[in-house]
N, C-alpha and C. Protein backbone atom coordinates (compact mmCIF):
# COMPACT_ATOMS: atom_id res chain seq x y z
N MET A 1 -27.68 19.57 -31.00
CA MET A 1 -28.18 18.82 -29.74
C MET A 1 -28.25 17.01 -31.11
N SER A 2 -27.59 16.06 -30.09
CA SER A 2 -27.20 14.86 -31.07
C SER A 2 -28.09 14.50 -30.45
N GLU A 3 -28.39 13.09 -31.43
CA GLU A 3 -29.86 12.11 -31.72
C GLU A 3 -29.68 11.43 -30.52
N SER A 4 -28.72 11.25 -29.85
CA SER A 4 -28.30 10.17 -28.56
C SER A 4 -27.94 11.60 -27.35
N SER A 5 -27.75 11.85 -27.43
CA SER A 5 -27.40 12.80 -25.80
C SER A 5 -29.04 13.12 -25.33
N GLU A 6 -29.66 13.43 -26.72
CA GLU A 6 -31.21 13.99 -26.68
C GLU A 6 -32.48 12.45 -25.83
N ASN A 7 -31.28 11.81 -26.33
CA ASN A 7 -32.63 9.90 -25.74
C ASN A 7 -31.33 10.01 -24.11
N TRP A 8 -30.72 10.41 -23.73
CA TRP A 8 -29.63 10.37 -22.56
C TRP A 8 -30.46 11.52 -20.71
N GLN A 9 -31.27 10.05 -20.37
CA GLN A 9 -31.61 10.65 -19.93
C GLN A 9 -31.06 10.15 -18.07
N PRO A 10 -30.06 10.47 -17.48
CA PRO A 10 -29.48 9.42 -16.51
C PRO A 10 -30.81 9.84 -15.52
N LYS A 11 -31.43 10.72 -14.90
CA LYS A 11 -32.57 10.22 -13.61
C LYS A 11 -33.06 9.01 -14.02
N THR A 12 -32.71 8.81 -15.11
CA THR A 12 -33.37 7.41 -15.58
C THR A 12 -33.18 6.25 -15.35
N MET A 13 -31.13 5.78 -15.18
CA MET A 13 -30.49 5.44 -15.16
C MET A 13 -30.20 5.28 -13.50
N PRO A 14 -30.43 3.61 -13.13
CA PRO A 14 -30.49 2.92 -12.12
C PRO A 14 -29.26 3.23 -11.73
N SER A 15 -27.59 3.05 -12.70
CA SER A 15 -26.65 2.79 -12.29
C SER A 15 -26.38 4.75 -11.70
N ILE A 16 -25.86 5.43 -11.99
CA ILE A 16 -26.55 6.53 -11.60
C ILE A 16 -27.20 7.21 -10.16
N LEU A 17 -28.39 6.68 -10.02
CA LEU A 17 -28.94 6.44 -8.77
C LEU A 17 -28.40 5.74 -7.97
N ILE A 18 -28.90 4.61 -8.50
CA ILE A 18 -27.55 3.58 -7.19
C ILE A 18 -26.16 4.66 -6.26
N SER A 19 -25.42 5.53 -7.59
CA SER A 19 -25.07 5.26 -7.46
C SER A 19 -25.23 7.05 -5.78
N HIS A 20 -25.87 7.78 -6.09
CA HIS A 20 -26.38 8.89 -6.13
C HIS A 20 -27.01 8.43 -4.05
N ALA A 21 -27.45 7.64 -4.57
CA ALA A 21 -28.48 7.15 -3.22
C ALA A 21 -26.86 7.07 -2.32
N ALA A 22 -26.66 6.23 -2.53
CA ALA A 22 -24.89 5.25 -2.36
C ALA A 22 -24.19 6.68 -1.52
N ARG A 23 -23.86 7.97 -1.80
CA ARG A 23 -22.67 8.75 -1.16
C ARG A 23 -23.77 9.75 -0.39
N ALA A 24 -25.31 9.98 -0.95
CA ALA A 24 -26.57 10.53 0.31
C ALA A 24 -26.13 9.73 1.27
N LEU A 25 -25.98 9.54 1.32
CA LEU A 25 -26.49 7.81 2.37
C LEU A 25 -25.02 7.41 3.55
N ALA A 26 -23.73 7.46 2.51
CA ALA A 26 -22.63 7.73 3.48
C ALA A 26 -22.81 8.60 4.24
N ARG A 27 -22.67 9.84 3.22
CA ARG A 27 -22.83 10.88 3.99
C ARG A 27 -23.39 11.39 5.10
N ARG A 28 -24.66 10.94 4.89
CA ARG A 28 -25.25 11.32 6.51
C ARG A 28 -25.10 10.19 7.27
N ALA A 29 -24.48 9.29 6.88
CA ALA A 29 -23.99 8.30 7.88
C ALA A 29 -22.31 8.03 8.91
N ASP A 30 -21.82 9.34 7.89
CA ASP A 30 -20.49 9.93 8.09
C ASP A 30 -21.17 10.46 8.91
N THR A 31 -21.29 12.11 9.07
CA THR A 31 -22.09 12.80 10.15
C THR A 31 -21.37 11.81 11.65
N LYS A 32 -22.42 11.26 11.96
CA LYS A 32 -23.67 10.73 13.23
C LYS A 32 -22.43 9.29 13.53
N LEU A 33 -21.50 8.63 12.75
CA LEU A 33 -20.34 7.86 12.95
C LEU A 33 -19.45 8.78 13.39
N ARG A 34 -19.01 10.32 13.15
CA ARG A 34 -18.42 11.05 13.23
C ARG A 34 -17.87 10.44 14.86
N ASP A 35 -18.98 10.49 14.62
CA ASP A 35 -19.53 11.53 16.78
C ASP A 35 -18.62 9.38 17.61
N ILE A 36 -18.99 8.53 17.08
CA ILE A 36 -18.05 7.67 17.75
C ILE A 36 -16.61 7.29 17.35
N GLY A 37 -16.08 7.84 16.54
CA GLY A 37 -14.72 7.86 15.87
C GLY A 37 -14.83 7.03 14.72
N ILE A 38 -15.89 6.45 14.08
CA ILE A 38 -15.24 5.50 12.42
C ILE A 38 -15.41 6.24 11.39
N SER A 39 -15.75 5.41 10.40
CA SER A 39 -16.41 6.13 9.32
C SER A 39 -17.58 5.18 8.61
N THR A 40 -17.95 5.36 7.30
CA THR A 40 -18.43 4.58 6.58
C THR A 40 -17.27 3.48 5.39
N SER A 41 -15.81 3.69 5.45
CA SER A 41 -15.05 3.55 4.78
C SER A 41 -14.83 2.16 5.42
N GLN A 42 -14.74 2.43 6.60
CA GLN A 42 -14.02 0.90 7.85
C GLN A 42 -15.48 -0.02 7.10
N PHE A 43 -16.66 -0.17 7.21
CA PHE A 43 -17.21 -1.40 7.54
C PHE A 43 -17.22 -2.31 6.62
N PRO A 44 -16.17 -2.72 5.47
CA PRO A 44 -15.97 -3.55 5.04
C PRO A 44 -15.27 -4.70 6.01
N VAL A 45 -14.34 -3.71 6.66
CA VAL A 45 -12.98 -4.48 8.27
C VAL A 45 -14.23 -5.13 9.45
N LEU A 46 -15.54 -4.21 9.54
CA LEU A 46 -15.30 -4.15 10.44
C LEU A 46 -16.23 -6.10 10.31
N VAL A 47 -17.71 -5.68 9.03
CA VAL A 47 -18.46 -7.15 8.79
C VAL A 47 -17.34 -8.29 8.84
N ALA A 48 -15.77 -7.67 8.19
CA ALA A 48 -15.24 -8.72 7.90
C ALA A 48 -14.75 -9.39 8.85
N LEU A 49 -14.89 -8.73 10.37
CA LEU A 49 -13.89 -9.68 11.58
C LEU A 49 -14.82 -9.75 11.77
N LYS A 50 -15.51 -9.28 12.08
CA LYS A 50 -16.23 -8.92 13.51
C LYS A 50 -17.44 -10.62 14.23
N ASP A 51 -16.82 -11.61 13.68
CA ASP A 51 -17.40 -12.32 14.45
C ASP A 51 -16.16 -13.30 15.50
N GLY A 52 -14.86 -12.85 15.06
CA GLY A 52 -13.99 -12.62 15.24
C GLY A 52 -12.98 -13.56 14.89
N ALA A 53 -12.92 -13.16 12.78
CA ALA A 53 -12.16 -13.78 12.19
C ALA A 53 -10.90 -13.01 12.09
N LYS A 54 -9.85 -13.47 11.63
CA LYS A 54 -8.33 -13.47 11.97
C LYS A 54 -7.76 -12.97 10.06
N LEU A 55 -7.62 -12.09 9.34
CA LEU A 55 -7.49 -12.41 7.71
C LEU A 55 -6.85 -11.20 7.80
N THR A 56 -5.85 -11.88 6.19
CA THR A 56 -4.64 -10.99 5.58
C THR A 56 -5.08 -9.52 5.33
N GLN A 57 -4.40 -8.38 5.09
CA GLN A 57 -4.83 -7.23 3.82
C GLN A 57 -5.18 -7.96 3.19
N LYS A 58 -4.27 -8.10 2.25
CA LYS A 58 -4.89 -9.05 1.22
C LYS A 58 -6.81 -9.15 0.80
N GLU A 59 -6.86 -10.10 1.73
CA GLU A 59 -7.82 -11.25 1.70
C GLU A 59 -9.27 -9.89 1.94
N LEU A 60 -9.11 -8.53 2.55
CA LEU A 60 -9.77 -7.47 3.44
C LEU A 60 -10.25 -6.11 2.44
N ALA A 61 -9.28 -6.77 1.33
CA ALA A 61 -8.84 -5.76 0.34
C ALA A 61 -9.84 -6.17 -1.20
N LEU A 62 -9.33 -7.44 -1.05
CA LEU A 62 -10.65 -8.61 -1.80
C LEU A 62 -12.05 -8.25 -1.39
N LEU A 63 -12.15 -8.47 0.02
CA LEU A 63 -13.64 -8.91 0.46
C LEU A 63 -14.57 -7.42 0.20
N ALA A 64 -13.51 -5.99 0.00
CA ALA A 64 -13.87 -4.56 0.73
C ALA A 64 -13.67 -4.16 -1.15
N ASN A 65 -13.24 -4.97 -2.15
CA ASN A 65 -13.13 -4.27 -3.43
C ASN A 65 -12.16 -3.20 -3.31
N VAL A 66 -11.52 -3.24 -3.14
CA VAL A 66 -10.82 -1.89 -3.16
C VAL A 66 -9.29 -2.50 -3.45
N GLU A 67 -8.21 -1.61 -3.67
CA GLU A 67 -6.85 -2.01 -3.92
C GLU A 67 -6.19 -2.16 -3.22
N GLN A 68 -5.47 -3.35 -2.97
CA GLN A 68 -4.44 -3.59 -1.03
C GLN A 68 -4.22 -2.00 -0.56
N PRO A 69 -3.14 -0.56 -1.71
CA PRO A 69 -2.62 0.38 -0.25
C PRO A 69 -3.97 1.70 -0.37
N SER A 70 -5.02 0.89 -0.78
CA SER A 70 -6.19 2.15 -0.11
C SER A 70 -6.03 1.51 1.05
N MET A 71 -6.47 -0.47 0.63
CA MET A 71 -6.96 -0.61 2.09
C MET A 71 -5.68 -0.86 3.74
N ALA A 72 -4.49 -0.75 2.79
CA ALA A 72 -2.76 -0.52 3.67
C ALA A 72 -3.34 0.70 4.28
N GLN A 73 -3.12 1.78 3.64
CA GLN A 73 -3.81 3.28 4.55
C GLN A 73 -5.43 3.06 5.84
N LEU A 74 -5.82 2.00 4.85
CA LEU A 74 -6.99 2.07 6.23
C LEU A 74 -7.49 1.57 7.62
N LEU A 75 -6.28 0.57 7.09
CA LEU A 75 -5.56 -0.58 8.42
C LEU A 75 -4.86 0.37 9.27
N THR A 76 -3.49 1.04 8.69
CA THR A 76 -3.11 2.05 8.89
C THR A 76 -3.78 3.25 9.99
N ARG A 77 -4.82 3.52 9.78
CA ARG A 77 -5.66 4.87 10.70
C ARG A 77 -6.42 3.98 11.51
N MET A 78 -6.64 2.66 11.22
CA MET A 78 -7.64 1.79 12.47
C MET A 78 -6.84 2.02 13.61
N GLU A 79 -5.74 0.64 12.92
CA GLU A 79 -4.64 0.62 14.03
C GLU A 79 -4.21 1.73 14.86
N ARG A 80 -3.86 2.88 14.33
CA ARG A 80 -4.26 4.01 15.35
C ARG A 80 -4.92 4.23 15.64
N ASP A 81 -5.84 4.54 15.33
CA ASP A 81 -7.96 4.78 16.46
C ASP A 81 -8.24 3.31 17.24
N GLY A 82 -7.00 2.09 17.05
CA GLY A 82 -7.42 1.32 17.74
C GLY A 82 -8.55 0.00 18.52
N LEU A 83 -8.52 0.42 16.73
CA LEU A 83 -10.04 -0.26 16.40
C LEU A 83 -9.89 -2.38 16.07
N ILE A 84 -8.00 -2.21 15.08
CA ILE A 84 -7.80 -3.03 14.91
C ILE A 84 -6.35 -3.56 15.20
N ARG A 85 -6.07 -5.41 15.78
CA ARG A 85 -4.46 -5.04 15.85
C ARG A 85 -4.26 -6.33 14.90
N ARG A 86 -2.93 -6.81 14.83
CA ARG A 86 -2.42 -6.89 13.54
C ARG A 86 -1.31 -8.16 14.19
N GLU A 87 -1.38 -9.32 13.90
CA GLU A 87 -0.12 -10.51 14.39
C GLU A 87 0.36 -11.27 12.80
N ALA A 88 1.55 -11.71 13.25
CA ALA A 88 2.25 -12.58 12.35
C ALA A 88 1.18 -13.68 12.37
N ASP A 89 1.84 -13.45 10.78
CA ASP A 89 0.69 -15.49 9.99
C ASP A 89 1.67 -16.33 10.11
N PRO A 90 1.44 -17.29 11.18
CA PRO A 90 2.29 -18.08 11.59
C PRO A 90 2.60 -18.87 10.08
N ASN A 91 1.49 -19.07 8.94
CA ASN A 91 1.34 -19.56 7.79
C ASN A 91 1.95 -18.82 7.02
N ASP A 92 2.33 -18.07 7.12
CA ASP A 92 3.36 -16.70 6.29
C ASP A 92 3.60 -15.88 6.83
N GLY A 93 5.13 -16.00 6.66
CA GLY A 93 5.96 -15.09 7.58
C GLY A 93 5.94 -13.46 6.93
N ARG A 94 5.68 -13.16 5.49
CA ARG A 94 5.58 -12.05 4.96
C ARG A 94 4.23 -11.25 6.00
N SER A 95 3.41 -11.79 6.46
CA SER A 95 1.08 -11.03 5.70
C SER A 95 1.33 -11.53 7.46
N SER A 96 0.85 -10.42 7.93
CA SER A 96 -0.40 -10.23 9.22
C SER A 96 -1.52 -10.62 9.40
N LEU A 97 -1.80 -11.49 10.68
CA LEU A 97 -3.51 -11.86 10.16
C LEU A 97 -3.83 -10.13 11.02
N ILE A 98 -5.29 -9.80 10.39
CA ILE A 98 -5.73 -9.13 10.80
C ILE A 98 -7.05 -8.77 12.03
N SER A 99 -6.46 -8.37 13.20
CA SER A 99 -8.45 -8.64 14.40
C SER A 99 -8.82 -7.24 14.97
N LEU A 100 -10.21 -7.16 15.23
CA LEU A 100 -10.87 -6.95 16.14
C LEU A 100 -9.93 -6.81 17.53
N THR A 101 -10.43 -5.47 17.99
CA THR A 101 -9.83 -4.89 19.38
C THR A 101 -11.61 -5.27 20.16
N ASP A 102 -11.20 -5.13 20.94
CA ASP A 102 -12.74 -4.23 22.59
C ASP A 102 -13.05 -3.50 21.76
N LYS A 103 -12.54 -2.70 21.82
CA LYS A 103 -13.10 -1.26 21.17
C LYS A 103 -13.49 -1.27 19.87
N ALA A 104 -13.08 -2.23 18.77
CA ALA A 104 -14.10 -2.06 17.90
C ALA A 104 -15.57 -2.62 17.77
N ILE A 105 -14.85 -4.00 19.15
CA ILE A 105 -16.17 -4.80 19.39
C ILE A 105 -17.28 -3.65 19.52
N SER A 106 -17.08 -2.98 20.54
CA SER A 106 -17.50 -1.71 21.21
C SER A 106 -17.98 -1.32 21.08
N LEU A 107 -18.39 -1.09 19.73
CA LEU A 107 -19.18 0.47 18.72
C LEU A 107 -20.06 -0.49 17.80
N PHE A 108 -20.40 -1.99 17.80
CA PHE A 108 -21.11 -2.41 17.00
C PHE A 108 -22.38 -2.55 17.39
N SER A 109 -22.73 -1.46 18.41
CA SER A 109 -24.75 -1.47 19.01
C SER A 109 -24.90 0.24 18.48
N PRO A 110 -23.92 1.37 18.81
CA PRO A 110 -24.18 2.19 18.23
C PRO A 110 -23.90 2.26 16.79
N VAL A 111 -23.34 1.03 16.29
CA VAL A 111 -23.52 2.33 14.64
C VAL A 111 -24.48 1.11 14.05
N ARG A 112 -24.99 0.06 15.27
CA ARG A 112 -26.58 -0.95 14.19
C ARG A 112 -26.94 0.55 14.40
N ALA A 113 -27.42 0.78 15.93
CA ALA A 113 -27.94 2.04 16.16
C ALA A 113 -27.94 2.92 15.11
N ILE A 114 -27.15 3.88 14.66
CA ILE A 114 -27.32 4.57 13.41
C ILE A 114 -27.39 4.24 12.27
N LEU A 115 -26.99 3.52 11.58
CA LEU A 115 -27.44 3.27 10.31
C LEU A 115 -28.43 2.80 10.37
N THR A 116 -29.47 2.24 11.52
CA THR A 116 -31.02 1.63 11.57
C THR A 116 -31.91 2.51 11.53
N GLN A 117 -31.14 4.06 12.22
CA GLN A 117 -31.82 5.20 11.93
C GLN A 117 -31.93 5.36 10.92
N GLY A 118 -31.06 5.54 10.14
CA GLY A 118 -30.67 6.47 8.59
C GLY A 118 -31.50 5.08 7.66
N ASN A 119 -31.36 4.59 7.83
CA ASN A 119 -31.97 2.79 7.00
C ASN A 119 -33.87 3.68 7.06
N GLN A 120 -34.36 3.25 7.92
CA GLN A 120 -35.79 4.03 8.14
C GLN A 120 -35.75 5.30 7.84
N GLU A 121 -35.06 6.41 7.87
CA GLU A 121 -35.39 7.76 6.90
C GLU A 121 -35.39 7.48 5.49
N ALA A 122 -34.30 6.42 5.14
CA ALA A 122 -34.30 6.82 3.89
C ALA A 122 -35.39 5.72 3.42
N LEU A 123 -36.38 4.82 4.32
CA LEU A 123 -37.03 4.10 3.05
C LEU A 123 -38.10 4.82 4.65
N VAL A 124 -38.79 5.84 4.80
CA VAL A 124 -40.19 6.36 5.00
C VAL A 124 -40.84 5.76 4.06
N GLY A 125 -42.32 5.37 4.25
CA GLY A 125 -43.37 5.36 3.50
C GLY A 125 -43.27 3.83 2.43
N PHE A 126 -42.37 2.95 2.60
CA PHE A 126 -42.54 2.24 1.33
C PHE A 126 -41.53 0.72 2.41
N ASP A 127 -43.39 -0.24 1.56
CA ASP A 127 -44.19 -0.75 3.12
C ASP A 127 -42.55 -1.96 3.26
N GLU A 128 -43.66 -3.31 4.51
CA GLU A 128 -42.24 -3.96 4.28
C GLU A 128 -41.90 -4.53 2.96
N SER A 129 -43.13 -5.06 2.51
CA SER A 129 -42.80 -6.30 0.62
C SER A 129 -41.92 -4.99 -0.50
N GLU A 130 -42.42 -4.05 -0.39
CA GLU A 130 -40.85 -2.92 -1.15
C GLU A 130 -39.51 -2.92 -0.67
N ILE A 131 -39.24 -2.68 0.55
CA ILE A 131 -37.83 -2.85 1.02
C ILE A 131 -37.24 -4.13 1.10
N GLU A 132 -38.14 -5.71 0.77
CA GLU A 132 -37.25 -6.79 0.32
C GLU A 132 -37.71 -6.67 -0.55
N GLN A 133 -37.49 -6.11 -2.10
CA GLN A 133 -37.77 -6.15 -3.28
C GLN A 133 -36.72 -5.43 -3.53
N LEU A 134 -36.24 -4.58 -2.88
CA LEU A 134 -35.07 -3.66 -3.11
C LEU A 134 -34.30 -3.96 -2.52
N VAL A 135 -33.79 -5.15 -1.52
CA VAL A 135 -32.50 -5.13 -0.97
C VAL A 135 -32.71 -6.49 -1.69
N ALA A 136 -33.15 -7.79 -2.32
CA ALA A 136 -33.60 -8.42 -3.37
C ALA A 136 -32.98 -7.78 -4.74
N LEU A 137 -33.38 -7.34 -5.22
CA LEU A 137 -33.23 -5.77 -6.13
C LEU A 137 -31.25 -5.57 -6.04
N LEU A 138 -31.48 -5.87 -4.74
CA LEU A 138 -28.97 -4.30 -4.86
C LEU A 138 -28.97 -6.08 -4.96
N HIS A 139 -28.98 -7.41 -3.95
CA HIS A 139 -28.51 -7.86 -4.84
C HIS A 139 -28.19 -9.09 -5.66
N ARG A 140 -28.51 -8.66 -6.81
CA ARG A 140 -28.78 -9.20 -7.70
C ARG A 140 -28.25 -8.15 -8.23
N VAL A 141 -28.02 -6.89 -8.50
CA VAL A 141 -27.35 -6.35 -8.81
C VAL A 141 -26.18 -6.09 -8.69
N ILE A 142 -26.11 -5.90 -7.63
CA ILE A 142 -24.14 -6.78 -7.15
C ILE A 142 -23.82 -7.87 -7.17
N GLY A 143 -24.22 -8.97 -7.61
CA GLY A 143 -24.36 -10.41 -8.59
C GLY A 143 -23.54 -9.89 -9.51
N ASN A 144 -23.98 -8.71 -10.86
CA ASN A 144 -24.43 -8.67 -12.08
C ASN A 144 -22.86 -8.15 -12.11
N VAL A 145 -22.70 -7.50 -11.75
CA VAL A 145 -21.64 -6.49 -11.44
C VAL A 145 -20.32 -6.38 -10.27
N GLY A 146 -20.39 -7.99 -9.67
CA GLY A 146 -19.44 -8.20 -8.74
C GLY A 146 -18.97 -9.01 -9.03
N ASP A 147 -17.51 -9.50 -8.70
CA ASP A 147 -16.41 -10.64 -9.42
C ASP A 147 -16.88 -11.42 -8.36
N GLY A 148 -18.15 -11.69 -7.57
CA GLY A 148 -17.93 -13.01 -6.87
C GLY A 148 -17.52 -13.14 -5.59
N LYS A 149 -16.38 -11.97 -5.37
CA LYS A 149 -15.68 -12.04 -4.13
C LYS A 149 -16.36 -10.91 -3.18
N CYS A 150 -17.09 -9.64 -4.07
CA CYS A 150 -17.95 -9.15 -2.58
C CYS A 150 -18.32 -9.50 -1.00
N LEU A 151 -17.86 -8.66 -0.19
CA LEU A 151 -18.50 -9.34 1.03
C LEU A 151 -20.00 -9.29 1.02
N LEU A 152 -20.60 -8.47 1.06
CA LEU A 152 -21.68 -8.79 0.91
C LEU A 152 -22.57 -9.92 0.26
N ALA A 153 -21.82 -9.73 -1.22
CA ALA A 153 -22.04 -11.18 -1.78
C ALA A 153 -22.96 -12.52 -0.35
N THR A 154 -21.40 -12.47 1.03
CA THR A 154 -21.96 -13.27 1.78
C THR A 154 -22.65 -13.10 3.05
N VAL A 155 -22.95 -11.72 3.24
CA VAL A 155 -23.45 -11.04 4.45
C VAL A 155 -24.82 -11.83 4.17
N SER A 156 -25.86 -12.32 4.73
CA SER A 156 -27.26 -11.77 4.64
C SER A 156 -28.27 -10.96 5.22
N HIS A 157 -29.00 -10.36 4.37
CA HIS A 157 -29.49 -9.21 3.64
C HIS A 157 -30.69 -8.48 5.30
N LYS A 158 -30.65 -9.26 5.70
CA LYS A 158 -31.59 -9.31 6.94
C LYS A 158 -30.85 -8.93 7.95
């Protein structure tokens, strides 16, 4: 075994731990969210449009940090499920503006309850100052590795 592989400790690498935690949290949330007809993959769209915004597919892909074809597939499913609507963009005939339907807006309360419960379960044993520190540190990580266009960089952590 080489010296470099002996010194590699995945259990102490923040990137691996963050990725593992994110997948575990998403898996748990998706299990509960499935009952109300949504998934964590739809969160970037729901958050970006929650205050009545109308954005293009390109803008949503940029905010969600995904490729446009992936966003197109997600939006097609969300439209099929009655969560979004599309209307012609008056400034660009080739684009559509995407907004949330009343059905999507009505899901915010149960989604918030599910996510709050998931956060409480994940943070058992943490005191308020530890939670605030964790949130601040995660925002710094996102700032360090993001391109400045991340949706979470514009959303308050409170």
